[in-house]
Amino acid sequence: METLAFNGITATIGGNYHLANIEGLLIGGIEFSAFNIPQSNKAGFVSNFAHSKVISVDIAVRGSDMADFYDKRQALLKAIYPATNQEVEFVYTTEDSQVYTFKGYLRTAVNEGERSGSYQTVGFSVYVPSGTLTSGNLNSATLAQTGVPTGAVLPWTLPILLGTVSGSATLNNAGNGYATIDIQIFGPGEGFTILNQTTGKFFKVDGLTLNSSQTIDIFGEQQTATQLGTSIFQFVTSDSEFITLAPGNNNLALYVDSGATSDTQAVITWYNTYVGI
């Protein structure tokens, strides 16, 4: 069932919080997929907001009686008013249960339509600075060496790769925008580089040694690199960049300068990312 959820409110087609309309940026004549989601939004048509990155949402509040109506309307207004100019996460679910999320700011005052008995439409606008949304399904891939016995030391800069004959790991970003990634590197080893061979971008941690029980955590969206919660930016080379996945297939590799064994690996996680609003 098609839904839009935020701040404890879930609006659905035909529900007590009826998702009456969503308007965003029109791209190529696609409905609520201005986000370029392949599904069509049955709730309403997506119109052109002149690249303002604004979504206009109309939710019709319905109640089983007047008391129920007032309770539901008050709950909706409480979810909107306190959040004005604060970042809010929205979760959009399509009719075929595909889940997408986006973060935006409630920027305009609530527009309450004319009330008719226990029915009233409440409208508001959301500013989405990134102009993107992400799939709600987390993708994961492990970059691990193959064909090397446990405890063996790898040669200098030998790539530790996902087990493919071509010697590279292929990660797919099914969206149409660049996707940030999170990386967890597991020791042992010293000197670690994650390279996206497709884009040429890399992130290198130089001079840091991990034993077999230690890890490095690199978070792309937050742009942090830590070990046990402590920043390790003093080990990150100045030419490093937080890696993203281009739309489509990306070949990634983990390089270790020395001391790696078959236990050394990196786990990459990402959400498919869509651009449009």
Protein backbone atom coordinates (compact mmCIF):
# COMPACT_ATOMS: atom_id res chain seq x y z
CA MET A 1 0.00 0.00 0.00
CA GLU A 2 1.28 3.45 -0.90
CA THR A 3 2.24 5.42 2.22
CA LEU A 4 4.16 8.48 3.37
CA ALA A 5 5.39 8.33 6.97
CA PHE A 6 7.08 11.03 9.10
CA ASN A 7 7.21 12.03 12.78
CA GLY A 8 4.90 9.21 13.86
CA ILE A 9 2.26 9.94 11.18
CA THR A 10 1.54 7.46 8.39
CA ALA A 11 -0.61 8.71 5.51
CA THR A 12 -2.10 6.15 3.13
CA ILE A 13 -4.47 6.16 0.20
CA GLY A 14 -7.99 6.01 1.61
CA GLY A 15 -6.84 5.99 5.24
CA ASN A 16 -7.80 8.25 8.14
CA TYR A 17 -4.68 10.17 7.13
CA HIS A 18 -5.43 10.09 3.42
CA LEU A 19 -2.46 10.86 1.16
CA ALA A 20 -4.29 13.26 -1.12
CA ASN A 21 -1.43 14.75 -3.12
CA ILE A 22 2.35 14.96 -3.46
CA GLU A 23 3.89 17.49 -5.80
CA GLY A 24 7.57 17.73 -6.64
CA LEU A 25 9.78 18.33 -9.64
CA LEU A 26 8.72 16.85 -12.96
CA ILE A 27 11.48 15.02 -14.81
CA GLY A 28 10.71 13.40 -18.11
CA GLY A 29 6.98 13.32 -17.43
CA ILE A 30 7.30 10.78 -14.62
CA GLU A 31 4.89 10.97 -11.68
CA PHE A 32 6.19 11.11 -8.02
CA SER A 33 9.09 9.99 -9.62
CA ALA A 34 10.43 12.96 -10.44
CA PHE A 35 12.59 10.83 -8.19
CA ASN A 36 12.82 8.48 -11.17
CA ILE A 37 11.23 5.65 -9.25
CA PRO A 38 9.73 3.25 -11.78
CA GLN A 39 6.39 3.21 -9.94
CA SER A 40 3.70 5.83 -10.45
CA ASN A 41 2.19 7.79 -7.59
CA LYS A 42 -1.56 7.21 -7.61
CA ALA A 43 -2.05 9.89 -4.94
CA GLY A 44 -1.53 12.83 -7.21
CA PHE A 45 0.36 14.34 -10.12
CA VAL A 46 3.88 15.66 -9.78
CA SER A 47 4.24 19.21 -11.05
CA ASN A 48 7.25 21.40 -11.83
CA PHE A 49 8.55 23.50 -8.95
CA ALA A 50 11.26 25.13 -11.07
CA HIS A 51 14.16 23.26 -9.48
CA SER A 52 13.23 24.52 -6.01
CA LYS A 53 13.69 21.06 -4.44
CA VAL A 54 10.34 21.44 -2.73
CA ILE A 55 7.64 18.82 -2.28
CA SER A 56 4.10 19.93 -1.52
CA VAL A 57 2.07 17.41 0.46
CA ASP A 58 -1.68 17.35 1.08
CA ILE A 59 -3.08 14.98 3.70
CA ALA A 60 -6.81 14.67 4.27
CA VAL A 61 -7.68 13.99 7.92
CA ARG A 62 -10.69 11.76 8.44
CA GLY A 63 -12.33 10.61 11.67
CA SER A 64 -14.93 8.05 12.59
CA ASP A 65 -16.70 10.83 14.50
CA MET A 66 -15.99 14.45 15.42
CA ALA A 67 -13.97 13.57 18.52
CA ASP A 68 -11.82 11.12 16.58
CA PHE A 69 -11.38 13.69 13.81
CA TYR A 70 -10.17 16.39 16.21
CA ASP A 71 -7.73 13.96 17.87
CA LYS A 72 -6.24 12.92 14.52
CA ARG A 73 -6.01 16.47 13.21
CA GLN A 74 -4.27 17.59 16.40
CA ALA A 75 -1.78 14.71 16.12
CA LEU A 76 -0.99 15.69 12.53
CA LEU A 77 -0.50 19.36 13.40
CA LYS A 78 1.78 18.40 16.31
CA ALA A 79 3.87 16.33 13.88
CA ILE A 80 4.22 19.34 11.56
CA TYR A 81 4.44 22.57 13.57
CA PRO A 82 7.25 21.70 16.04
CA ALA A 83 9.32 20.32 13.18
CA THR A 84 9.24 23.51 11.09
CA ASN A 85 12.78 24.33 9.88
CA GLN A 86 14.10 21.09 11.36
CA GLU A 87 15.32 18.14 9.31
CA VAL A 88 12.76 15.35 9.19
CA GLU A 89 13.07 11.89 7.66
CA PHE A 90 10.25 10.83 5.35
CA VAL A 91 9.62 7.23 4.33
CA TYR A 92 7.73 6.67 1.09
CA THR A 93 6.40 3.19 0.27
CA THR A 94 5.09 2.40 -3.19
CA GLU A 95 2.10 0.24 -4.02
CA ASP A 96 4.39 -2.74 -4.64
CA SER A 97 6.10 -2.28 -1.24
CA GLN A 98 9.30 -0.63 -2.45
CA VAL A 99 10.59 1.64 0.33
CA TYR A 100 12.41 4.95 -0.21
CA THR A 101 13.58 7.59 2.26
CA PHE A 102 14.46 11.28 1.99
CA LYS A 103 15.32 14.02 4.47
CA GLY A 104 13.78 17.46 4.27
CA TYR A 105 12.79 20.58 6.17
CA LEU A 106 9.20 21.65 6.78
CA ARG A 107 9.51 25.21 5.52
CA THR A 108 6.05 26.69 5.01
CA ALA A 109 3.15 27.24 7.36
CA VAL A 110 0.44 24.62 7.39
CA ASN A 111 -2.42 25.38 5.03
CA GLU A 112 -5.65 24.00 6.45
CA GLY A 113 -8.36 23.49 3.87
CA GLU A 114 -12.04 23.99 4.48
CA ARG A 115 -13.45 21.51 6.96
CA SER A 116 -16.51 19.50 6.06
CA GLY A 117 -17.85 17.58 9.05
CA SER A 118 -15.18 15.14 10.20
CA TYR A 119 -12.99 15.71 7.12
CA GLN A 120 -10.32 18.34 6.40
CA THR A 121 -7.24 18.61 4.19
CA VAL A 122 -3.97 19.81 5.69
CA GLY A 123 -1.18 20.90 3.35
CA PHE A 124 2.49 21.70 3.93
CA SER A 125 5.74 21.96 1.98
CA VAL A 126 9.03 20.13 2.44
CA TYR A 127 12.40 21.47 1.27
CA VAL A 128 14.82 18.65 0.37
CA PRO A 129 18.33 20.20 0.07
CA SER A 130 19.97 17.13 -1.45
CA GLY A 131 17.29 16.66 -4.08
CA THR A 132 17.71 12.91 -3.62
CA LEU A 133 16.08 9.96 -1.98
CA THR A 134 17.47 6.52 -1.19
CA SER A 135 16.11 3.02 -1.34
CA GLY A 136 15.08 1.68 2.04
CA ASN A 137 16.84 -1.61 1.34
CA LEU A 138 20.46 -1.68 2.55
CA ASN A 139 22.94 -3.29 0.15
CA SER A 140 26.10 -5.00 1.38
CA ALA A 141 29.23 -6.48 -0.19
CA THR A 142 32.38 -7.97 1.31
CA LEU A 143 35.80 -7.39 -0.19
CA ALA A 144 37.87 -10.40 0.86
CA GLN A 145 40.89 -12.14 -0.60
CA THR A 146 40.60 -15.50 -2.30
CA GLY A 147 43.01 -18.37 -2.77
CA VAL A 148 45.34 -17.35 0.09
CA PRO A 149 45.76 -19.74 3.04
CA THR A 150 44.91 -18.47 6.54
CA GLY A 151 47.87 -16.69 8.08
CA ALA A 152 49.68 -16.04 4.82
CA VAL A 153 51.18 -12.56 4.35
CA LEU A 154 50.21 -10.85 1.13
CA PRO A 155 52.81 -9.12 -1.08
CA TRP A 156 53.12 -5.31 -1.05
CA THR A 157 50.01 -3.58 -2.41
CA LEU A 158 48.44 -6.82 -3.61
CA PRO A 159 44.71 -6.05 -3.92
CA ILE A 160 42.38 -7.95 -1.65
CA LEU A 161 39.39 -8.47 -3.90
CA LEU A 162 35.96 -9.98 -3.88
CA GLY A 163 36.20 -13.43 -5.40
CA THR A 164 35.85 -12.72 -9.10
CA VAL A 165 38.06 -14.02 -11.85
CA SER A 166 38.60 -10.50 -13.17
CA GLY A 167 40.13 -9.46 -9.83
CA SER A 168 37.58 -6.79 -8.91
CA ALA A 169 34.37 -6.53 -6.94
CA THR A 170 31.32 -5.22 -8.76
CA LEU A 171 28.89 -3.25 -6.62
CA ASN A 172 25.67 -2.02 -8.22
CA ASN A 173 23.96 1.27 -7.42
CA ALA A 174 20.55 0.80 -9.04
CA GLY A 175 19.66 4.47 -8.63
CA ASN A 176 20.35 7.38 -10.96
CA GLY A 177 22.44 9.43 -8.47
CA TYR A 178 25.77 8.98 -6.70
CA ALA A 179 25.44 6.86 -3.54
CA THR A 180 27.52 7.40 -0.41
CA ILE A 181 28.98 4.27 1.16
CA ASP A 182 29.95 3.09 4.63
CA ILE A 183 33.08 0.98 5.00
CA GLN A 184 34.23 -1.29 7.83
CA ILE A 185 37.77 -2.61 7.46
CA PHE A 186 38.81 -5.65 9.50
CA GLY A 187 42.45 -6.32 10.42
CA PRO A 188 45.10 -7.49 10.52
CA GLY A 189 47.23 -5.29 8.32
CA GLU A 190 48.91 -1.91 7.96
CA GLY A 191 48.03 0.79 5.43
CA PHE A 192 44.59 0.43 3.82
CA THR A 193 43.23 1.86 0.57
CA ILE A 194 39.70 1.52 -0.79
CA LEU A 195 39.66 2.29 -4.52
CA ASN A 196 36.65 2.73 -6.78
CA GLN A 197 38.22 1.67 -10.06
CA THR A 198 35.18 2.93 -11.96
CA THR A 199 35.40 6.55 -10.77
CA GLY A 200 39.10 6.64 -9.87
CA LYS A 201 38.35 7.93 -6.37
CA PHE A 202 40.11 6.39 -3.36
CA PHE A 203 40.29 6.65 0.43
CA LYS A 204 43.64 5.79 2.03
CA VAL A 205 44.50 5.25 5.69
CA ASP A 206 48.30 5.36 5.85
CA GLY A 207 50.54 4.17 8.69
CA LEU A 208 47.79 2.72 10.88
CA THR A 209 48.21 -0.90 11.99
CA LEU A 210 45.28 -3.14 12.91
CA ASN A 211 45.51 -6.47 14.67
CA SER A 212 43.09 -9.29 13.93
CA SER A 213 40.48 -7.99 16.40
CA GLN A 214 40.50 -4.33 15.33
CA THR A 215 38.43 -2.44 12.77
CA ILE A 216 38.20 0.94 11.05
CA ASP A 217 34.80 2.54 10.43
CA ILE A 218 34.37 5.02 7.56
CA PHE A 219 30.96 6.69 7.18
CA GLY A 220 30.42 8.47 3.87
CA GLU A 221 27.36 10.56 4.68
CA GLN A 222 28.75 11.78 8.02
CA GLN A 223 32.25 12.01 6.51
CA THR A 224 33.96 10.45 9.51
CA ALA A 225 36.72 7.86 9.90
CA THR A 226 37.11 6.29 13.35
CA GLN A 227 38.58 3.44 15.34
CA LEU A 228 36.61 2.59 18.48
CA GLY A 229 34.85 5.92 18.13
CA THR A 230 38.07 7.99 17.96
CA SER A 231 38.89 9.95 14.83
CA ILE A 232 41.81 8.63 12.75
CA PHE A 233 41.96 11.54 10.30
CA GLN A 234 45.63 12.02 11.18
CA PHE A 235 46.24 8.79 9.23
CA VAL A 236 44.05 9.73 6.22
CA THR A 237 46.08 11.03 3.28
CA SER A 238 45.34 14.54 2.03
CA ASP A 239 44.45 13.30 -1.47
CA SER A 240 41.79 10.92 -0.15
CA GLU A 241 38.09 11.42 -0.90
CA PHE A 242 35.00 9.84 0.59
CA ILE A 243 34.06 7.29 -2.03
CA THR A 244 30.69 7.23 -3.75
CA LEU A 245 29.13 4.75 -6.15
CA ALA A 246 28.24 6.06 -9.59
CA PRO A 247 24.89 4.94 -11.04
CA GLY A 248 25.23 1.37 -12.28
CA ASN A 249 28.13 -1.00 -11.69
CA ASN A 250 31.25 0.04 -9.77
CA ASN A 251 34.43 -1.99 -9.35
CA LEU A 252 35.88 -1.62 -5.85
CA ALA A 253 39.08 -3.02 -4.34
CA LEU A 254 40.80 -3.01 -0.98
CA TYR A 255 44.59 -2.67 -1.01
CA VAL A 256 46.72 -3.44 2.06
CA ASP A 257 50.35 -2.32 2.26
CA SER A 258 51.56 -5.14 4.52
CA GLY A 259 50.62 -7.64 7.21
CA ALA A 260 47.32 -8.84 5.76
CA THR A 261 46.01 -12.38 6.17
CA SER A 262 42.95 -14.18 4.91
CA ASP A 263 41.04 -12.57 7.80
CA THR A 264 41.61 -9.08 6.38
CA GLN A 265 38.54 -7.74 4.61
CA ALA A 266 36.26 -4.76 4.10
CA VAL A 267 32.46 -4.68 4.28
CA ILE A 268 30.78 -2.04 2.09
CA THR A 269 27.17 -0.96 2.66
CA TRP A 270 25.08 1.47 0.62
CA TYR A 271 21.57 2.49 -0.39
CA ASN A 272 20.57 2.92 -4.03
CA THR A 273 20.27 6.68 -4.51
CA TYR A 274 17.85 8.56 -6.77
CA VAL A 275 18.01 12.17 -7.95
CA GLY A 276 15.09 14.20 -9.12
CA ILE A 277 13.42 16.69 -6.81
